[in-house]
N, C-alpha and C. Protein backbone atom coordinates (compact mmCIF):
# COMPACT_ATOMS: atom_id res chain seq x y z
N UNK A 1 0.82 -1.19 0.00
CA UNK A 1 0.00 0.00 0.00
C UNK A 1 0.87 1.25 0.00
N UNK A 2 1.94 1.24 0.78
CA UNK A 2 2.82 2.39 0.87
C UNK A 2 3.52 2.63 -0.47
N UNK A 3 3.86 1.54 -1.16
CA UNK A 3 4.52 1.64 -2.47
C UNK A 3 3.59 2.28 -3.50
N UNK A 4 2.32 1.96 -3.44
CA UNK A 4 1.35 2.53 -4.37
C UNK A 4 1.20 4.03 -4.12
N UNK A 5 1.14 4.44 -2.83
CA UNK A 5 1.04 5.86 -2.48
C UNK A 5 2.23 6.65 -3.01
N UNK A 6 3.43 6.12 -2.83
CA UNK A 6 4.64 6.80 -3.30
C UNK A 6 4.61 6.94 -4.81
N UNK A 7 4.17 5.88 -5.50
CA UNK A 7 4.08 5.92 -6.96
C UNK A 7 3.07 6.97 -7.41
N UNK A 8 1.93 7.02 -6.78
CA UNK A 8 0.90 8.01 -7.13
C UNK A 8 1.40 9.43 -6.87
N UNK A 9 2.07 9.64 -5.77
CA UNK A 9 2.61 10.97 -5.45
C UNK A 9 3.65 11.37 -6.49
N UNK A 10 4.50 10.45 -6.89
CA UNK A 10 5.51 10.75 -7.92
C UNK A 10 4.86 11.11 -9.24
N UNK A 11 3.83 10.40 -9.63
CA UNK A 11 3.12 10.70 -10.88
C UNK A 11 2.49 12.08 -10.81
N UNK A 12 1.86 12.41 -9.69
CA UNK A 12 1.24 13.73 -9.53
C UNK A 12 2.29 14.83 -9.61
N UNK A 13 3.44 14.62 -8.96
CA UNK A 13 4.51 15.62 -9.01
C UNK A 13 5.02 15.84 -10.43
N UNK A 14 5.17 14.78 -11.20
CA UNK A 14 5.62 14.89 -12.59
C UNK A 14 4.59 15.68 -13.41
N UNK A 15 3.31 15.40 -13.20
CA UNK A 15 2.26 16.13 -13.93
C UNK A 15 2.24 17.61 -13.56
N UNK A 16 2.39 17.91 -12.27
CA UNK A 16 2.41 19.31 -11.83
C UNK A 16 3.61 20.03 -12.41
N UNK A 17 4.77 19.40 -12.41
CA UNK A 17 5.97 20.02 -12.98
C UNK A 17 5.77 20.27 -14.48
N UNK A 18 5.09 19.37 -15.16
CA UNK A 18 4.81 19.55 -16.58
C UNK A 18 3.92 20.75 -16.83
N UNK A 19 2.99 21.01 -15.92
CA UNK A 19 2.12 22.18 -16.05
C UNK A 19 2.92 23.48 -15.90
N UNK A 20 3.90 23.49 -15.01
CA UNK A 20 4.70 24.69 -14.80
C UNK A 20 5.65 24.96 -15.95
N UNK A 21 6.14 23.94 -16.60
CA UNK A 21 7.10 24.14 -17.68
C UNK A 21 6.41 24.42 -19.01
N UNK A 22 5.16 24.09 -19.17
CA UNK A 22 4.43 24.35 -20.40
C UNK A 22 4.76 23.33 -21.47
N UNK A 23 4.12 23.52 -22.62
CA UNK A 23 4.27 22.56 -23.70
C UNK A 23 5.02 23.13 -24.89
N UNK A 24 5.45 24.35 -24.84
CA UNK A 24 6.15 24.97 -25.95
C UNK A 24 7.51 24.32 -26.17
N UNK A 25 7.89 24.20 -27.43
CA UNK A 25 9.21 23.64 -27.72
C UNK A 25 10.30 24.68 -27.60
N UNK A 26 9.94 25.94 -27.39
CA UNK A 26 10.91 27.03 -27.21
C UNK A 26 10.76 27.59 -25.80
N UNK A 27 11.88 28.00 -25.21
CA UNK A 27 11.83 28.54 -23.85
C UNK A 27 12.45 29.93 -23.80
N UNK A 28 11.96 30.73 -22.89
CA UNK A 28 12.48 32.08 -22.68
C UNK A 28 13.46 32.08 -21.52
N UNK A 29 14.53 32.85 -21.69
CA UNK A 29 15.51 33.05 -20.62
C UNK A 29 16.15 34.40 -20.86
N UNK A 30 15.80 35.39 -20.04
CA UNK A 30 16.26 36.75 -20.32
C UNK A 30 16.41 37.56 -19.04
N UNK A 31 17.09 38.70 -19.19
CA UNK A 31 17.15 39.70 -18.12
C UNK A 31 16.93 41.06 -18.78
N UNK A 32 16.30 41.96 -18.05
CA UNK A 32 15.94 43.25 -18.64
C UNK A 32 15.81 44.33 -17.58
N UNK A 33 15.92 45.58 -18.04
CA UNK A 33 15.66 46.77 -17.22
C UNK A 33 14.67 47.64 -17.97
N UNK A 34 13.73 48.23 -17.24
CA UNK A 34 12.69 49.07 -17.84
C UNK A 34 12.06 48.34 -19.01
N UNK A 35 11.49 47.18 -18.73
CA UNK A 35 10.97 46.25 -19.73
C UNK A 35 9.44 46.25 -19.71
N UNK A 36 8.83 46.47 -20.86
CA UNK A 36 7.38 46.38 -21.02
C UNK A 36 7.12 45.28 -22.02
N UNK A 37 6.21 44.37 -21.68
CA UNK A 37 5.97 43.20 -22.52
C UNK A 37 4.48 42.89 -22.54
N UNK A 38 3.96 42.59 -23.72
CA UNK A 38 2.57 42.20 -23.86
C UNK A 38 2.49 41.11 -24.92
N UNK A 39 1.65 40.09 -24.68
CA UNK A 39 1.49 39.02 -25.65
C UNK A 39 0.05 38.52 -25.61
N UNK A 40 -0.69 38.76 -26.69
CA UNK A 40 -2.03 38.25 -26.86
C UNK A 40 -2.02 37.33 -28.09
N UNK A 41 -3.10 36.64 -28.40
CA UNK A 41 -3.10 35.77 -29.58
C UNK A 41 -2.81 36.49 -30.91
N UNK A 42 -3.12 37.79 -31.00
CA UNK A 42 -2.92 38.53 -32.25
C UNK A 42 -1.76 39.52 -32.22
N UNK A 43 -1.21 39.80 -31.04
CA UNK A 43 -0.24 40.87 -30.92
C UNK A 43 0.81 40.55 -29.86
N UNK A 44 2.05 40.91 -30.16
CA UNK A 44 3.12 40.81 -29.16
C UNK A 44 3.95 42.09 -29.26
N UNK A 45 4.30 42.64 -28.10
CA UNK A 45 5.05 43.89 -28.04
C UNK A 45 6.08 43.76 -26.94
N UNK A 46 7.28 44.26 -27.21
CA UNK A 46 8.28 44.39 -26.15
C UNK A 46 9.03 45.69 -26.35
N UNK A 47 9.22 46.42 -25.27
CA UNK A 47 9.94 47.68 -25.27
C UNK A 47 10.86 47.65 -24.06
N UNK A 48 12.11 48.09 -24.24
CA UNK A 48 13.07 47.95 -23.15
C UNK A 48 14.13 49.03 -23.19
N UNK A 49 14.73 49.25 -22.03
CA UNK A 49 15.91 50.09 -21.93
C UNK A 49 17.14 49.22 -22.09
N UNK A 50 17.18 48.07 -21.38
CA UNK A 50 18.24 47.08 -21.55
C UNK A 50 17.60 45.70 -21.59
N UNK A 51 18.11 44.85 -22.47
CA UNK A 51 17.56 43.49 -22.62
C UNK A 51 18.66 42.57 -23.13
N UNK A 52 18.72 41.37 -22.56
CA UNK A 52 19.62 40.34 -23.08
C UNK A 52 18.98 38.98 -22.86
N UNK A 53 19.20 38.08 -23.81
CA UNK A 53 18.66 36.73 -23.69
C UNK A 53 17.70 36.40 -24.80
N UNK A 54 16.77 35.49 -24.50
CA UNK A 54 15.80 34.99 -25.46
C UNK A 54 14.41 35.09 -24.86
N UNK A 55 13.47 35.59 -25.66
CA UNK A 55 12.07 35.62 -25.24
C UNK A 55 11.22 35.09 -26.38
N UNK A 56 10.23 34.28 -26.04
CA UNK A 56 9.36 33.65 -27.03
C UNK A 56 7.96 34.22 -26.91
N UNK A 57 7.44 34.72 -28.03
CA UNK A 57 6.06 35.22 -28.11
C UNK A 57 5.24 34.16 -28.84
N UNK A 58 4.01 33.96 -28.39
CA UNK A 58 3.13 32.99 -29.01
C UNK A 58 1.92 33.71 -29.59
N UNK A 59 1.75 33.60 -30.91
CA UNK A 59 0.62 34.20 -31.61
C UNK A 59 -0.21 33.09 -32.24
N UNK A 60 -1.41 33.42 -32.71
CA UNK A 60 -2.29 32.42 -33.32
C UNK A 60 -2.80 32.93 -34.66
N UNK A 61 -2.57 32.12 -35.70
CA UNK A 61 -3.12 32.41 -37.04
C UNK A 61 -4.39 31.59 -37.21
N UNK A 62 -5.52 32.26 -37.37
CA UNK A 62 -6.80 31.57 -37.48
C UNK A 62 -7.17 31.24 -38.92
N UNK A 63 -6.71 32.05 -39.87
CA UNK A 63 -7.05 31.83 -41.28
C UNK A 63 -5.84 32.14 -42.15
N UNK A 64 -5.15 31.10 -42.60
CA UNK A 64 -3.91 31.29 -43.36
C UNK A 64 -4.14 31.94 -44.72
N UNK A 65 -5.36 31.91 -45.22
CA UNK A 65 -5.62 32.53 -46.53
C UNK A 65 -5.82 34.04 -46.42
N UNK A 66 -6.06 34.55 -45.21
CA UNK A 66 -6.34 35.98 -45.04
C UNK A 66 -5.36 36.70 -44.14
N UNK A 67 -4.73 36.01 -43.21
CA UNK A 67 -3.92 36.68 -42.20
C UNK A 67 -2.44 36.72 -42.57
N UNK A 68 -1.79 37.83 -42.19
CA UNK A 68 -0.35 38.01 -42.38
C UNK A 68 0.27 38.41 -41.05
N UNK A 69 1.58 38.24 -40.94
CA UNK A 69 2.32 38.68 -39.76
C UNK A 69 3.04 39.97 -40.09
N UNK A 70 2.56 41.07 -39.52
CA UNK A 70 3.23 42.37 -39.66
C UNK A 70 4.20 42.52 -38.50
N UNK A 71 5.37 43.11 -38.77
CA UNK A 71 6.33 43.32 -37.70
C UNK A 71 7.10 44.61 -37.91
N UNK A 72 7.54 45.18 -36.79
CA UNK A 72 8.37 46.37 -36.82
C UNK A 72 9.34 46.31 -35.64
N UNK A 73 10.49 46.94 -35.82
CA UNK A 73 11.50 46.93 -34.76
C UNK A 73 12.42 48.13 -34.92
N UNK A 74 12.92 48.61 -33.79
CA UNK A 74 13.98 49.61 -33.80
C UNK A 74 14.89 49.33 -32.61
N UNK A 75 16.17 49.68 -32.77
CA UNK A 75 17.16 49.35 -31.76
C UNK A 75 18.25 50.41 -31.77
N UNK A 76 18.58 50.93 -30.59
CA UNK A 76 19.62 51.95 -30.51
C UNK A 76 21.01 51.33 -30.41
N UNK A 77 21.15 50.23 -29.63
CA UNK A 77 22.47 49.64 -29.44
C UNK A 77 22.35 48.12 -29.30
N UNK A 78 23.24 47.38 -29.98
CA UNK A 78 23.27 45.93 -29.87
C UNK A 78 22.85 45.25 -31.15
N UNK A 79 22.52 43.96 -31.03
CA UNK A 79 22.11 43.16 -32.19
C UNK A 79 21.08 42.13 -31.74
N UNK A 80 19.98 42.06 -32.48
CA UNK A 80 18.90 41.11 -32.19
C UNK A 80 18.58 40.34 -33.46
N UNK A 81 18.43 39.02 -33.32
CA UNK A 81 17.95 38.20 -34.41
C UNK A 81 16.59 37.65 -34.00
N UNK A 82 15.63 37.76 -34.91
CA UNK A 82 14.27 37.30 -34.64
C UNK A 82 13.97 36.14 -35.58
N UNK A 83 13.43 35.07 -35.00
CA UNK A 83 13.05 33.88 -35.75
C UNK A 83 11.54 33.69 -35.61
N UNK A 84 10.96 32.88 -36.51
CA UNK A 84 9.57 32.50 -36.34
C UNK A 84 9.41 31.03 -36.68
N UNK A 85 8.38 30.43 -36.13
CA UNK A 85 8.07 29.03 -36.39
C UNK A 85 6.55 28.91 -36.44
N UNK A 86 6.04 28.61 -37.63
CA UNK A 86 4.60 28.39 -37.73
C UNK A 86 4.30 27.07 -38.43
N UNK A 87 5.34 26.30 -38.77
CA UNK A 87 5.11 25.01 -39.41
C UNK A 87 6.06 23.93 -38.88
N UNK A 88 6.64 24.17 -37.71
CA UNK A 88 7.52 23.19 -37.10
C UNK A 88 9.00 23.42 -37.34
N UNK A 89 9.35 24.44 -38.13
CA UNK A 89 10.75 24.74 -38.41
C UNK A 89 11.06 26.17 -38.02
N UNK A 90 12.15 26.36 -37.28
CA UNK A 90 12.59 27.69 -36.87
C UNK A 90 13.29 28.36 -38.04
N UNK A 91 12.77 29.52 -38.47
CA UNK A 91 13.31 30.25 -39.61
C UNK A 91 13.65 31.68 -39.20
N UNK A 92 14.74 32.21 -39.75
CA UNK A 92 15.11 33.59 -39.44
C UNK A 92 14.12 34.54 -40.10
N UNK A 93 13.62 35.48 -39.31
CA UNK A 93 12.71 36.50 -39.81
C UNK A 93 13.49 37.76 -40.18
N UNK A 94 14.34 38.25 -39.24
CA UNK A 94 15.19 39.40 -39.52
C UNK A 94 16.24 39.55 -38.44
N UNK A 95 17.27 40.33 -38.76
CA UNK A 95 18.29 40.74 -37.79
C UNK A 95 18.32 42.26 -37.79
N UNK A 96 18.34 42.83 -36.61
CA UNK A 96 18.40 44.28 -36.48
C UNK A 96 19.64 44.64 -35.67
N UNK A 97 20.35 45.68 -36.12
CA UNK A 97 21.58 46.13 -35.45
C UNK A 97 21.41 47.58 -35.00
N UNK A 98 22.44 48.09 -34.34
CA UNK A 98 22.44 49.45 -33.81
C UNK A 98 21.91 50.47 -34.80
N UNK A 99 20.97 51.29 -34.33
CA UNK A 99 20.49 52.41 -35.12
C UNK A 99 19.53 52.06 -36.24
N UNK A 100 19.17 50.80 -36.40
CA UNK A 100 18.30 50.40 -37.51
C UNK A 100 16.84 50.38 -37.11
N UNK A 101 15.98 50.50 -38.14
CA UNK A 101 14.53 50.34 -37.99
C UNK A 101 14.07 49.41 -39.09
N UNK A 102 13.12 48.52 -38.76
CA UNK A 102 12.61 47.56 -39.72
C UNK A 102 11.10 47.54 -39.64
N UNK A 103 10.44 47.48 -40.80
CA UNK A 103 9.00 47.28 -40.89
C UNK A 103 8.74 46.41 -42.10
N UNK A 104 8.02 45.30 -41.90
CA UNK A 104 7.73 44.39 -43.01
C UNK A 104 6.61 43.44 -42.61
N UNK A 105 6.39 42.38 -43.43
CA UNK A 105 5.36 41.39 -43.14
C UNK A 105 5.69 40.06 -43.80
N UNK A 106 5.07 39.00 -43.28
CA UNK A 106 5.14 37.67 -43.87
C UNK A 106 3.75 37.35 -44.38
N UNK A 107 3.66 36.95 -45.63
CA UNK A 107 2.37 36.69 -46.23
C UNK A 107 1.86 35.26 -46.01
N UNK A 108 2.76 34.29 -45.99
CA UNK A 108 2.33 32.89 -45.90
C UNK A 108 2.54 32.35 -44.49
N UNK A 109 1.44 32.14 -43.79
CA UNK A 109 1.45 31.53 -42.47
C UNK A 109 0.60 30.27 -42.51
N UNK A 110 0.90 29.34 -41.64
CA UNK A 110 0.06 28.17 -41.47
C UNK A 110 -0.92 28.45 -40.35
N UNK A 111 -2.09 27.85 -40.41
CA UNK A 111 -3.06 28.03 -39.33
C UNK A 111 -2.54 27.38 -38.07
N UNK A 112 -2.78 28.03 -36.96
CA UNK A 112 -2.36 27.50 -35.66
C UNK A 112 -1.38 28.42 -34.97
N UNK A 113 -0.57 27.86 -34.09
CA UNK A 113 0.36 28.62 -33.28
C UNK A 113 1.55 29.09 -34.11
N UNK A 114 1.89 30.37 -33.92
CA UNK A 114 3.07 30.96 -34.54
C UNK A 114 3.97 31.44 -33.41
N UNK A 115 5.16 30.87 -33.34
CA UNK A 115 6.13 31.29 -32.33
C UNK A 115 7.04 32.35 -32.94
N UNK A 116 7.25 33.44 -32.19
CA UNK A 116 8.20 34.47 -32.59
C UNK A 116 9.28 34.48 -31.50
N UNK A 117 10.51 34.15 -31.90
CA UNK A 117 11.61 33.98 -30.95
C UNK A 117 12.59 35.14 -31.12
N UNK A 118 12.79 35.93 -30.08
CA UNK A 118 13.69 37.08 -30.11
C UNK A 118 14.95 36.70 -29.34
N UNK A 119 16.12 36.75 -30.02
CA UNK A 119 17.39 36.39 -29.39
C UNK A 119 18.39 37.52 -29.55
N UNK A 120 19.04 37.89 -28.46
CA UNK A 120 20.04 38.96 -28.52
C UNK A 120 21.44 38.37 -28.63
N UNK A 121 22.33 39.17 -29.16
CA UNK A 121 23.76 38.85 -29.19
C UNK A 121 24.40 39.78 -28.16
N UNK A 122 24.38 39.37 -26.90
CA UNK A 122 24.84 40.23 -25.81
C UNK A 122 23.72 41.15 -25.34
N UNK A 123 24.10 42.23 -24.67
CA UNK A 123 23.10 43.17 -24.14
C UNK A 123 22.72 44.20 -25.19
N UNK A 124 21.42 44.47 -25.29
CA UNK A 124 20.90 45.47 -26.22
C UNK A 124 20.27 46.61 -25.42
N UNK A 125 20.25 47.80 -26.04
CA UNK A 125 19.69 48.96 -25.36
C UNK A 125 18.68 49.70 -26.23
N UNK A 126 17.69 50.25 -25.55
CA UNK A 126 16.67 51.11 -26.16
C UNK A 126 16.08 50.51 -27.43
N UNK A 127 15.27 49.49 -27.25
CA UNK A 127 14.65 48.83 -28.39
C UNK A 127 13.17 48.65 -28.21
N UNK A 128 12.51 48.44 -29.35
CA UNK A 128 11.09 48.14 -29.36
C UNK A 128 10.80 47.22 -30.52
N UNK A 129 10.08 46.13 -30.27
CA UNK A 129 9.68 45.18 -31.29
C UNK A 129 8.19 44.94 -31.16
N UNK A 130 7.51 44.87 -32.30
CA UNK A 130 6.06 44.61 -32.29
C UNK A 130 5.72 43.65 -33.41
N UNK A 131 4.82 42.70 -33.11
CA UNK A 131 4.39 41.68 -34.04
C UNK A 131 2.88 41.60 -34.00
N UNK A 132 2.22 41.65 -35.17
CA UNK A 132 0.75 41.60 -35.24
C UNK A 132 0.31 40.63 -36.32
N UNK A 133 -0.67 39.81 -35.98
CA UNK A 133 -1.32 38.98 -37.01
C UNK A 133 -2.61 39.68 -37.36
N UNK A 134 -2.75 40.02 -38.64
CA UNK A 134 -3.94 40.75 -39.12
C UNK A 134 -4.52 40.05 -40.33
């Protein structure tokens, strides 16, 4: 009886830990100062004074025949590479460096979850990135 209880407790602990870690195949690990972040199914925004690391935004494409991913970014100092995954493969979306501004869109998305992965090369300063599915 005691062995069954221990087994059940172990199974429950594994399930609870799975809930805390989530099901995404990408993970965020970052540090920031003066950081504003928002992520809804249609929009993701991040604005920061200092940022380093990786952050994953999760968006949802409901109709691949009508919706596109619009994005814009500006950065005062550093280098950021942004990737996206909407069909199971991580693809580079753009790289932004010091003093640059970018505005563009992706026309072909698959229906379902779209991951937008923001990765820095060291510490970045005074940046803003926005992603919208419209």
